[in-house]
Amino acid sequence: MNRCAWLVSMMAALLLQGCGEQAPQNRGVYLLMDTSGTYTKELKNAQQLINVILVKLDPGDSFAVGRIDTGSFSEKDIVAKVTFDDRPSQTNQQKRHFRDSVDTFVKSVKSAKFTDISGGVLQAIEYLNEKGNDRKHILIFSDLKEELPNGYVRDIPLQLEGYDVVALNVTKLRSDNVDPREYLDRLEAWQRRVEEGGGKWRVINDMDRLERILGG
């Protein structure tokens, strides 16, 4: 083999080797916490969930927690947000501060009259698109029953291409016990809306299996 052919062969091998290596992918996670009606009683479970997520996230990942209330399409509804530093010691400090911010919020939260889930999802999309993470997750901690004030418009397509959307702790309402179709219809409606927007949809109701979130 002459020198020119050898160089071409070596370059091809290096290119193939490079194609086989996957660059690290950072993650963006936005958790929506329902603070409407009696669902506020479930927020201690949300704190447990947040602690699990914090353990799973790495330097370079982003995490935000937003509340679902009367009008959730607002940065004012972001309870805590962070992009973790590359230095592990700094990341650990950020995680402690994040946990403290959420704990303070849960202790003082007041129940909202309405439930703007769509607005919260739109806010989550805006936040994560701005962060530009490789993998995007929206977690919805809610019974998924949306109730909007008069005049609020939320019949808007959700642009969820590349998103993993997970509904968590979808509790059954009193009316669901009377007619289970209401519960099933809520799940089906949200699944359809997410998938029509190009996203992936999952439901995890077993809070003892939180390791399954974020694809774990």
C-alpha atoms as a PDB file:
ATOM      1  CA  MET A   1       0.000   0.000   0.000  1.00  0.00           C
ATOM      2  CA  ASN A   2       1.498   3.357  -1.051  1.00  0.00           C
ATOM      3  CA  ARG A   3       1.632   6.314   1.354  1.00  0.00           C
ATOM      4  CA  CYS A   4      -1.371   8.103  -0.203  1.00  0.00           C
ATOM      5  CA  ALA A   5      -3.596   5.034   0.059  1.00  0.00           C
ATOM      6  CA  TRP A   6      -2.442   4.470   3.645  1.00  0.00           C
ATOM      7  CA  LEU A   7      -3.380   8.033   4.626  1.00  0.00           C
ATOM      8  CA  VAL A   8      -6.812   7.687   3.026  1.00  0.00           C
ATOM      9  CA  SER A   9      -7.360   4.415   4.896  1.00  0.00           C
ATOM     10  CA  MET A  10      -6.316   5.953   8.225  1.00  0.00           C
ATOM     11  CA  MET A  11      -8.584   8.991   7.731  1.00  0.00           C
ATOM     12  CA  ALA A  12     -11.550   6.751   6.918  1.00  0.00           C
ATOM     13  CA  ALA A  13     -10.896   4.692  10.058  1.00  0.00           C
ATOM     14  CA  LEU A  14     -10.748   7.828  12.208  1.00  0.00           C
ATOM     15  CA  LEU A  15     -13.982   9.129  10.706  1.00  0.00           C
ATOM     16  CA  LEU A  16     -15.747   5.839  11.381  1.00  0.00           C
ATOM     17  CA  GLN A  17     -14.431   5.822  14.936  1.00  0.00           C
ATOM     18  CA  GLY A  18     -15.703   9.371  15.448  1.00  0.00           C
ATOM     19  CA  CYS A  19     -19.135   8.479  14.139  1.00  0.00           C
ATOM     20  CA  GLY A  20     -19.390   5.690  16.698  1.00  0.00           C
ATOM     21  CA  GLU A  21     -18.772   8.007  19.655  1.00  0.00           C
ATOM     22  CA  GLN A  22     -21.769   9.820  21.104  1.00  0.00           C
ATOM     23  CA  ALA A  23     -21.255  13.218  22.654  1.00  0.00           C
ATOM     24  CA  PRO A  24     -22.730  13.694  26.134  1.00  0.00           C
ATOM     25  CA  GLN A  25     -26.284  14.997  26.016  1.00  0.00           C
ATOM     26  CA  ASN A  26     -27.521  17.476  28.581  1.00  0.00           C
ATOM     27  CA  ARG A  27     -31.093  17.387  29.810  1.00  0.00           C
ATOM     28  CA  GLY A  28     -33.693  20.027  30.440  1.00  0.00           C
ATOM     29  CA  VAL A  29     -36.478  19.195  32.886  1.00  0.00           C
ATOM     30  CA  TYR A  30     -39.520  21.350  33.659  1.00  0.00           C
ATOM     31  CA  LEU A  31     -41.832  20.106  36.400  1.00  0.00           C
ATOM     32  CA  LEU A  32     -45.342  21.553  36.639  1.00  0.00           C
ATOM     33  CA  MET A  33     -46.963  21.330  40.086  1.00  0.00           C
ATOM     34  CA  ASP A  34     -50.746  21.625  40.302  1.00  0.00           C
ATOM     35  CA  THR A  35     -51.656  24.100  43.079  1.00  0.00           C
ATOM     36  CA  SER A  36     -55.394  24.245  42.454  1.00  0.00           C
ATOM     37  CA  GLY A  37     -58.178  23.059  44.743  1.00  0.00           C
ATOM     38  CA  THR A  38     -57.486  20.137  47.028  1.00  0.00           C
ATOM     39  CA  TYR A  39     -54.537  18.965  44.911  1.00  0.00           C
ATOM     40  CA  THR A  40     -52.242  21.089  47.091  1.00  0.00           C
ATOM     41  CA  LYS A  41     -52.417  18.180  49.553  1.00  0.00           C
ATOM     42  CA  GLU A  42     -50.343  16.188  47.058  1.00  0.00           C
ATOM     43  CA  LEU A  43     -47.414  18.630  47.018  1.00  0.00           C
ATOM     44  CA  LYS A  44     -45.438  16.691  49.633  1.00  0.00           C
ATOM     45  CA  ASN A  45     -45.266  13.901  47.071  1.00  0.00           C
ATOM     46  CA  ALA A  46     -44.047  16.494  44.573  1.00  0.00           C
ATOM     47  CA  GLN A  47     -41.213  17.391  46.960  1.00  0.00           C
ATOM     48  CA  GLN A  48     -40.210  13.727  47.064  1.00  0.00           C
ATOM     49  CA  LEU A  49     -40.292  13.678  43.265  1.00  0.00           C
ATOM     50  CA  ILE A  50     -38.094  16.782  43.050  1.00  0.00           C
ATOM     51  CA  ASN A  51     -35.521  15.183  45.348  1.00  0.00           C
ATOM     52  CA  VAL A  52     -35.377  12.142  43.054  1.00  0.00           C
ATOM     53  CA  ILE A  53     -34.906  14.350  39.981  1.00  0.00           C
ATOM     54  CA  LEU A  54     -32.138  16.359  41.645  1.00  0.00           C
ATOM     55  CA  VAL A  55     -30.206  13.146  42.309  1.00  0.00           C
ATOM     56  CA  LYS A  56     -30.549  12.069  38.669  1.00  0.00           C
ATOM     57  CA  LEU A  57     -29.442  15.362  37.091  1.00  0.00           C
ATOM     58  CA  ASP A  58     -25.816  16.087  36.200  1.00  0.00           C
ATOM     59  CA  PRO A  59     -23.620  19.162  35.673  1.00  0.00           C
ATOM     60  CA  GLY A  60     -24.809  21.017  32.570  1.00  0.00           C
ATOM     61  CA  ASP A  61     -28.425  19.893  32.982  1.00  0.00           C
ATOM     62  CA  SER A  62     -31.222  22.427  33.549  1.00  0.00           C
ATOM     63  CA  PHE A  63     -34.157  22.099  35.933  1.00  0.00           C
ATOM     64  CA  ALA A  64     -37.160  24.315  36.599  1.00  0.00           C
ATOM     65  CA  VAL A  65     -40.279  23.931  38.717  1.00  0.00           C
ATOM     66  CA  GLY A  66     -43.393  25.926  37.859  1.00  0.00           C
ATOM     67  CA  ARG A  67     -46.810  26.028  39.459  1.00  0.00           C
ATOM     68  CA  ILE A  68     -50.122  25.394  37.757  1.00  0.00           C
ATOM     69  CA  ASP A  69     -52.618  27.999  38.938  1.00  0.00           C
ATOM     70  CA  THR A  70     -55.267  30.319  37.482  1.00  0.00           C
ATOM     71  CA  GLY A  71     -53.007  31.676  34.723  1.00  0.00           C
ATOM     72  CA  SER A  72     -49.807  29.673  34.314  1.00  0.00           C
ATOM     73  CA  PHE A  73     -48.324  31.140  31.130  1.00  0.00           C
ATOM     74  CA  SER A  74     -46.049  33.467  33.073  1.00  0.00           C
ATOM     75  CA  GLU A  75     -42.454  33.506  34.282  1.00  0.00           C
ATOM     76  CA  LYS A  76     -43.848  34.609  37.650  1.00  0.00           C
ATOM     77  CA  ASP A  77     -45.105  31.049  38.059  1.00  0.00           C
ATOM     78  CA  ILE A  78     -41.577  29.605  37.978  1.00  0.00           C
ATOM     79  CA  VAL A  79     -40.853  28.594  41.571  1.00  0.00           C
ATOM     80  CA  ALA A  80     -37.196  27.670  41.050  1.00  0.00           C
ATOM     81  CA  LYS A  81     -34.839  27.301  38.098  1.00  0.00           C
ATOM     82  CA  VAL A  82     -31.184  26.391  37.629  1.00  0.00           C
ATOM     83  CA  THR A  83     -28.578  25.205  35.148  1.00  0.00           C
ATOM     84  CA  PHE A  84     -26.042  23.122  37.002  1.00  0.00           C
ATOM     85  CA  ASP A  85     -22.400  24.154  37.070  1.00  0.00           C
ATOM     86  CA  ASP A  86     -19.655  21.922  35.658  1.00  0.00           C
ATOM     87  CA  ARG A  87     -17.989  21.839  39.094  1.00  0.00           C
ATOM     88  CA  PRO A  88     -19.508  19.043  41.234  1.00  0.00           C
ATOM     89  CA  SER A  89     -19.113  20.996  44.474  1.00  0.00           C
ATOM     90  CA  GLN A  90     -20.977  23.954  43.013  1.00  0.00           C
ATOM     91  CA  THR A  91     -23.646  21.650  41.569  1.00  0.00           C
ATOM     92  CA  ASN A  92     -24.291  20.137  45.012  1.00  0.00           C
ATOM     93  CA  GLN A  93     -24.701  23.609  46.469  1.00  0.00           C
ATOM     94  CA  GLN A  94     -27.129  24.560  43.685  1.00  0.00           C
ATOM     95  CA  LYS A  95     -29.187  21.451  44.367  1.00  0.00           C
ATOM     96  CA  ARG A  96     -29.456  22.283  48.077  1.00  0.00           C
ATOM     97  CA  HIS A  97     -30.543  25.837  47.271  1.00  0.00           C
ATOM     98  CA  PHE A  98     -33.092  24.557  44.729  1.00  0.00           C
ATOM     99  CA  ARG A  99     -34.545  22.126  47.279  1.00  0.00           C
ATOM    100  CA  ASP A 100     -34.797  24.880  49.889  1.00  0.00           C
ATOM    101  CA  SER A 101     -36.624  27.191  47.463  1.00  0.00           C
ATOM    102  CA  VAL A 102     -39.218  24.509  46.678  1.00  0.00           C
ATOM    103  CA  ASP A 103     -39.678  23.641  50.364  1.00  0.00           C
ATOM    104  CA  THR A 104     -40.317  27.298  51.191  1.00  0.00           C
ATOM    105  CA  PHE A 105     -42.864  27.557  48.388  1.00  0.00           C
ATOM    106  CA  VAL A 106     -44.767  24.420  49.433  1.00  0.00           C
ATOM    107  CA  LYS A 107     -45.020  25.645  53.036  1.00  0.00           C
ATOM    108  CA  SER A 108     -46.607  28.932  51.978  1.00  0.00           C
ATOM    109  CA  VAL A 109     -48.599  27.994  48.855  1.00  0.00           C
ATOM    110  CA  LYS A 110     -52.260  28.955  48.652  1.00  0.00           C
ATOM    111  CA  SER A 111     -54.773  26.969  46.651  1.00  0.00           C
ATOM    112  CA  ALA A 112     -55.675  28.444  43.249  1.00  0.00           C
ATOM    113  CA  LYS A 113     -59.265  28.639  42.050  1.00  0.00           C
ATOM    114  CA  PHE A 114     -58.573  27.551  38.460  1.00  0.00           C
ATOM    115  CA  THR A 115     -56.201  25.119  36.725  1.00  0.00           C
ATOM    116  CA  ASP A 116     -54.348  26.425  33.657  1.00  0.00           C
ATOM    117  CA  ILE A 117     -52.409  23.306  32.660  1.00  0.00           C
ATOM    118  CA  SER A 118     -52.071  24.367  29.007  1.00  0.00           C
ATOM    119  CA  GLY A 119     -50.549  27.697  29.981  1.00  0.00           C
ATOM    120  CA  GLY A 120     -48.039  25.889  32.180  1.00  0.00           C
ATOM    121  CA  VAL A 121     -47.042  23.559  29.355  1.00  0.00           C
ATOM    122  CA  LEU A 122     -46.623  26.522  26.987  1.00  0.00           C
ATOM    123  CA  GLN A 123     -44.392  28.217  29.570  1.00  0.00           C
ATOM    124  CA  ALA A 124     -42.366  25.020  29.945  1.00  0.00           C
ATOM    125  CA  ILE A 125     -41.857  24.767  26.170  1.00  0.00           C
ATOM    126  CA  GLU A 126     -40.719  28.384  25.996  1.00  0.00           C
ATOM    127  CA  TYR A 127     -38.263  27.902  28.860  1.00  0.00           C
ATOM    128  CA  LEU A 128     -36.726  24.658  27.576  1.00  0.00           C
ATOM    129  CA  ASN A 129     -36.487  25.878  23.971  1.00  0.00           C
ATOM    130  CA  GLU A 130     -34.570  28.880  25.240  1.00  0.00           C
ATOM    131  CA  LYS A 131     -32.187  26.623  27.178  1.00  0.00           C
ATOM    132  CA  GLY A 132     -31.526  24.526  24.068  1.00  0.00           C
ATOM    133  CA  ASN A 133     -31.005  21.220  25.890  1.00  0.00           C
ATOM    134  CA  ASP A 134     -30.423  18.048  23.884  1.00  0.00           C
ATOM    135  CA  ARG A 135     -33.133  16.115  25.742  1.00  0.00           C
ATOM    136  CA  LYS A 136     -36.283  17.860  26.961  1.00  0.00           C
ATOM    137  CA  HIS A 137     -38.702  16.575  29.578  1.00  0.00           C
ATOM    138  CA  ILE A 138     -41.960  18.120  30.808  1.00  0.00           C
ATOM    139  CA  LEU A 139     -43.370  16.484  33.939  1.00  0.00           C
ATOM    140  CA  ILE A 140     -46.974  17.298  34.874  1.00  0.00           C
ATOM    141  CA  PHE A 141     -47.829  16.627  38.519  1.00  0.00           C
ATOM    142  CA  SER A 142     -51.604  17.039  38.352  1.00  0.00           C
ATOM    143  CA  ASP A 143     -54.995  15.351  38.152  1.00  0.00           C
ATOM    144  CA  LEU A 144     -55.076  16.736  34.560  1.00  0.00           C
ATOM    145  CA  LYS A 145     -58.465  18.390  34.969  1.00  0.00           C
ATOM    146  CA  GLU A 146     -58.144  21.821  33.355  1.00  0.00           C
ATOM    147  CA  GLU A 147     -60.479  24.604  34.492  1.00  0.00           C
ATOM    148  CA  LEU A 148     -59.981  28.076  33.011  1.00  0.00           C
ATOM    149  CA  PRO A 149     -61.411  31.488  33.902  1.00  0.00           C
ATOM    150  CA  ASN A 150     -63.781  33.075  31.420  1.00  0.00           C
ATOM    151  CA  GLY A 151     -61.978  34.610  28.464  1.00  0.00           C
ATOM    152  CA  TYR A 152     -58.778  32.544  28.679  1.00  0.00           C
ATOM    153  CA  VAL A 153     -57.807  31.033  25.313  1.00  0.00           C
ATOM    154  CA  ARG A 154     -55.783  27.811  25.419  1.00  0.00           C
ATOM    155  CA  ASP A 155     -56.904  26.043  22.236  1.00  0.00           C
ATOM    156  CA  ILE A 156     -53.370  26.344  20.903  1.00  0.00           C
ATOM    157  CA  PRO A 157     -51.314  23.571  19.231  1.00  0.00           C
ATOM    158  CA  LEU A 158     -48.413  22.436  21.425  1.00  0.00           C
ATOM    159  CA  GLN A 159     -45.060  22.285  19.608  1.00  0.00           C
ATOM    160  CA  LEU A 160     -43.544  19.248  21.338  1.00  0.00           C
ATOM    161  CA  GLU A 161     -41.232  17.714  18.759  1.00  0.00           C
ATOM    162  CA  GLY A 162     -38.365  16.081  20.672  1.00  0.00           C
ATOM    163  CA  TYR A 163     -40.141  16.327  24.045  1.00  0.00           C
ATOM    164  CA  ASP A 164     -40.859  13.584  26.544  1.00  0.00           C
ATOM    165  CA  VAL A 165     -44.033  14.489  28.454  1.00  0.00           C
ATOM    166  CA  VAL A 166     -44.821  12.518  31.610  1.00  0.00           C
ATOM    167  CA  ALA A 167     -48.028  12.809  33.643  1.00  0.00           C
ATOM    168  CA  LEU A 168     -47.420  11.971  37.299  1.00  0.00           C
ATOM    169  CA  ASN A 169     -49.713  11.197  40.219  1.00  0.00           C
ATOM    170  CA  VAL A 170     -52.883  11.622  38.145  1.00  0.00           C
ATOM    171  CA  THR A 171     -55.275  11.262  41.062  1.00  0.00           C
ATOM    172  CA  LYS A 172     -58.891  10.299  40.542  1.00  0.00           C
ATOM    173  CA  LEU A 173     -61.546  12.883  41.347  1.00  0.00           C
ATOM    174  CA  ARG A 174     -64.791  12.168  43.180  1.00  0.00           C
ATOM    175  CA  SER A 175     -66.687  12.402  39.883  1.00  0.00           C
ATOM    176  CA  ASP A 176     -64.324   9.822  38.378  1.00  0.00           C
ATOM    177  CA  ASN A 177     -65.593   7.269  40.879  1.00  0.00           C
ATOM    178  CA  VAL A 178     -69.123   7.931  39.645  1.00  0.00           C
ATOM    179  CA  ASP A 179     -68.137   7.766  35.973  1.00  0.00           C
ATOM    180  CA  PRO A 180     -64.623   6.348  35.279  1.00  0.00           C
ATOM    181  CA  ARG A 181     -64.933   7.497  31.671  1.00  0.00           C
ATOM    182  CA  GLU A 182     -64.160  11.042  32.835  1.00  0.00           C
ATOM    183  CA  TYR A 183     -60.746   9.938  34.114  1.00  0.00           C
ATOM    184  CA  LEU A 184     -59.979   7.901  31.013  1.00  0.00           C
ATOM    185  CA  ASP A 185     -61.133  10.732  28.749  1.00  0.00           C
ATOM    186  CA  ARG A 186     -58.745  13.192  30.464  1.00  0.00           C
ATOM    187  CA  LEU A 187     -55.797  10.875  29.934  1.00  0.00           C
ATOM    188  CA  GLU A 188     -56.765  10.208  26.324  1.00  0.00           C
ATOM    189  CA  ALA A 189     -57.291  13.892  25.540  1.00  0.00           C
ATOM    190  CA  TRP A 190     -53.872  14.883  26.878  1.00  0.00           C
ATOM    191  CA  GLN A 191     -52.149  11.980  25.160  1.00  0.00           C
ATOM    192  CA  ARG A 192     -53.728  12.961  21.854  1.00  0.00           C
ATOM    193  CA  ARG A 193     -52.763  16.602  22.284  1.00  0.00           C
ATOM    194  CA  VAL A 194     -49.138  15.784  23.146  1.00  0.00           C
ATOM    195  CA  GLU A 195     -48.701  13.262  20.345  1.00  0.00           C
ATOM    196  CA  GLU A 196     -50.341  15.557  17.778  1.00  0.00           C
ATOM    197  CA  GLY A 197     -47.707  18.115  18.776  1.00  0.00           C
ATOM    198  CA  GLY A 198     -44.928  15.614  18.056  1.00  0.00           C
ATOM    199  CA  GLY A 199     -44.154  14.688  21.668  1.00  0.00           C
ATOM    200  CA  LYS A 200     -43.921  11.360  23.500  1.00  0.00           C
ATOM    201  CA  TRP A 201     -46.464  10.683  26.263  1.00  0.00           C
ATOM    202  CA  ARG A 202     -46.265   8.540  29.394  1.00  0.00           C
ATOM    203  CA  VAL A 203     -48.236   8.218  32.627  1.00  0.00           C
ATOM    204  CA  ILE A 204     -46.601   7.175  35.916  1.00  0.00           C
ATOM    205  CA  ASN A 205     -48.991   6.917  38.848  1.00  0.00           C
ATOM    206  CA  ASP A 206     -46.975   4.622  41.092  1.00  0.00           C
ATOM    207  CA  MET A 207     -45.018   7.090  43.221  1.00  0.00           C
ATOM    208  CA  ASP A 208     -42.905   4.194  44.535  1.00  0.00           C
ATOM    209  CA  ARG A 209     -41.414   3.803  41.056  1.00  0.00           C
ATOM    210  CA  LEU A 210     -40.027   7.295  40.578  1.00  0.00           C
ATOM    211  CA  GLU A 211     -36.772   5.885  39.214  1.00  0.00           C
ATOM    212  CA  ARG A 212     -38.627   5.412  35.908  1.00  0.00           C
ATOM    213  CA  ILE A 213     -38.776   9.155  35.267  1.00  0.00           C
ATOM    214  CA  LEU A 214     -36.315  10.706  32.803  1.00  0.00           C
ATOM    215  CA  GLY A 215     -36.083   7.372  31.051  1.00  0.00           C
ATOM    216  CA  GLY A 216     -34.438   5.754  34.098  1.00  0.00           C
END
